[in-house]
Structures are given as C-alpha cells and as structure tokens.
C-alpha cells in the first residue's frame, strides 16, 4: 500500500513548522512554545520535519501603536538597534527557515528583537 501523499507536499517525508511566540502572549506561553519546538524536533526529525520557534521582540504594528507615542518611543530607546522591528522582518526570518538556506536549522529558537536579548 502506498503512503498517503499530500497534494500540497509532494515529498511526504519533509516539512517545516515555525512556531511564533510573543505578541503579548507572556513569558510562560513563549517558553512553552520553545519547548514544544524542541520536543517536536526530536520526535519529527526522523521524518524530515523540522520545527523552529521564532521569538519576535517589539514589532511595530497597529496594536503596538495603541500604547501611545511616548510608550513606543521608550521601547525604541530600549532596543540596541534604536528602532522597533517590522512584521516584514519577522516574515523574512520565517521565509529563510522555510527555504533551503534554513534546511539545517532545527529544534531551536530564533530571536528577532534588535539585540534586546543579547
């Protein structure tokens, strides 16, 4: 019997999972997602499925602007790069992880925070 092959994934023995933490979900949830990514990497790697957690820092979004200009400016001053990130920068990291360039990245957390975590 042939193994099921997804029409969206012709090579049924490969895949990528990006778990995105942050977004005001709290440190407990972010840590839980990091542990899930690590655990799934150990379990699914043998099937060609990689898992990575992406942890964005302060990202300039509509929701962030609701905190007021003074608060946003204070957050910007706290970032070593001197600015907030953009949703496109986080998306670019995820796109890299899904590309052949990220093929050996597995079971870890990529922090996209302008250096705050340094």
Foldseek 3Di string as FASTA:
>chain_A
DDDDADPVHNLQQAEEAEAEDDPPPDPVVLVVQLVVQQVVLVVRVVSHYAYEYEYEAAEDDPVVCVVDPVVLQVVLVLAPQSHHHYPVVSVVVVVCCRDPNVSPDHSGYHYHYNPNVD
